[in-house]
Amino acid sequence: MFKAVFQSFDQVNDPSRGAPRAAALREALARRGLDGFVVPRSDEHQNEYVPEAAERLAWLTGFTGSAGFAVVLRETAAVFVDGRYTLQVRDQVDGQVFAFESLLDNRSEAWLAAHLKAKDRLGYDPWLHTPTQIERLRKVASGVGAILVPVETNPVDEVWQARPAPRLGPVTLHDDALAGRAPAVKLADIRAALKTEAALLLSDPHALAWTFNIRGGDVDHTPLPLGYALVPKEGRPTLYLNGRKLSNEVRDALEQLATVAEPATLTADLARLGASGATVLLDGATVPEKLRALLVEAGGKAEVGTDPVALMKAVKTPAERDGIRAAHRRDAAAFARFLAWFDTEAPKGGLTEIGATEALESFRRDTGALKDVSFPSIAGFGPHAAIPHYRVATDTNLPIGLGIFLIDSGAQYQDGTTDITRTVVVGEPTPEMRDRFTRVLRGHIAIARAVFPEGVSGAQLDSFARQPLWQAGLDFDHGTGHGVGAYLSVHEGPQRIAKTGTVALAEGMMLSNEPGYYKAGHWGIRIENLILVERREIAGAERPMLGFETLSFAPIDRRLVEPSLLGPAELDWLNDYHARVRALVSPLVDDAVGTWLEAATRPIP
């Protein structure tokens, strides 16, 4: 059974180790005739969560965030991160060894152009970069007369002593009844989506899991089996999975659908396909540059584009929707138990961020259905609540006192994935807290109540959540909502509610609704439910219309609401939502939690 572990960054990735590790890497590069090397935070599939053996950036620099990369040159080095990690990178990385740079506004390209010299040989591992990423690097290098060099083996692995072995999580069959569609049907749809291409290479493990109705245990928090598949327009697919992860039962089931082969045979099979002159569709978001180059060098054509599985997977089947609703009901009861417990324990003093996180995860384990948390819980008190992607560790763990506490967490159940955020107050909130909380709530309600025609994208809805904040000269810097998988990744594309959310929302897509506000150094607010796109019947409508079904059920802290800022329709929504929470959750909890729930969901007059 999953159990949370809270590590000290000082113990696991001591910043003082950056200097000797960078020096060892430079020595390895010199032996290979390289003047520099790019170290991304990625594995061969561009996963959000990567196996321990692929955490090269964390080992080299100490930085443990989910996005970023480093460049090590002969005389200088830098770590590039986005706005989520500007504080974290300074805590974890030795600033005497690595400069801290931003990923925004093409600053990484500018840094490289300023520090690369003519004829420098900049190495990269072609298994860890997509073709688009390499094209950007190549453009910068050629602009200063430097040379981009793919390596056969990663020099970080050469100097990384005691590097963990790759995981061999058992592959399991995901019941067709939960998936709602059999793999054979999905494969037929994939073949129908191919046009001039002879085959599709599945390089995204999420797509692999969805297509073949399998799950695995190769990374944290997402039940992924790492591997690949070649799906030809005609003929039998080939599924590339490490045989040590397959029981006889699973292998027999998969061999009814595809030829099962070892991952090491993929390159030879792809080369043979290329030698025939075939065109192969590659997923631009996840395919390694190594496989694109191999296909082209063999004589084939690489069509680097969008994996059609991404959109198929985003639209949940009726069976998946039923499972997702069941998972959210189960999770709602666990979350209510946590909130009731927190309301009793926090005012006593002595409770910490880690203590609260462990309690919530224990309530979820008590369901008997928890497979894992869907991401490391974000549990922040006071100033930590103002860090949208804060992750508590033993050396950052704050006691919870009077003020605001934010808990963003989720669970993986076999029938669905959950993600919910609540902001609660200990003691009496200030008028400013109530004002900001209510503005965030109004934005949340605006998304929840939105009705829109088919074809509308998340970008067109994003401003709905921001308008109440904009009216006060405020905003938040993350997207309003991300897509969510069905017992897969809690962060799923291509759908999202954000300024960059260009994909049209469709019936059956699941997303988060999570506007926020963050007063740096003081406190932060976020209110998040998961929502499902549903069809809306409107009398006299001239086109098909859509709206959202709310899936998450937990009280929204009434103590932080300023009723005078809510319009009648907004107040009705909040009271109706709380009535639904009460009706759905009360039968699932004991009398003590039920009594607390009754008070927490009482209508606001």
Foldseek 3Di string as FASTA:
>chain_A
DDDDDFADLCVVQNQVVQVVLLVLLLVLCVVVVAFKEKQWCAALFRDQFAFQLNRLVCNNFSQDHSGWIKMRGNPAIAIEDAPLCPPVSVVGGPCVHYPYHYPPPCVVLVVCLVPDAAAGEYEYALSGDFPVVVVSVCVSQVVRNYHYHYDPDDSSVVSDPPRDDFDQWAKAAQDCLLQVDALVVLLLVQLVPDDQAQKEKAQNQVLVCSNHRMFTDRGAQFRGQHWMKIRGNDDAIETAHAPVNYDPVRVVSVVVRHHYHHRVCVLVVLLVCLLVQGEYEYARVTHGSVSCVSSVVSNYHYNHDHRPSQVVQQFGDPSLVVLALVVQLLLLQLVLVLVLVCLVPQAVWPAKQVNSQSSSVVSSVVSVFFPHKNDQKQKDAWQSQLSVPDHDHPVRIDIHHFFKIKIWTWTQGSSFIFIWIAIEGDPADDPVLLLQQQLQLQLLVQQQFDKFFFPDALLVSQVSNCVSVVVVVFADDDTQKAWQGGSGHGHGDDGTNGNPGNDTDDARGKMKGWGWGHDHNTHIGIGIWIWGKHWDDDPPDPGTMIGIDTSHADFHAPSSHDVVPDDPVSLVVLLVSLVVSLVSNLVVHDPSSNVVSCVRNPRDD
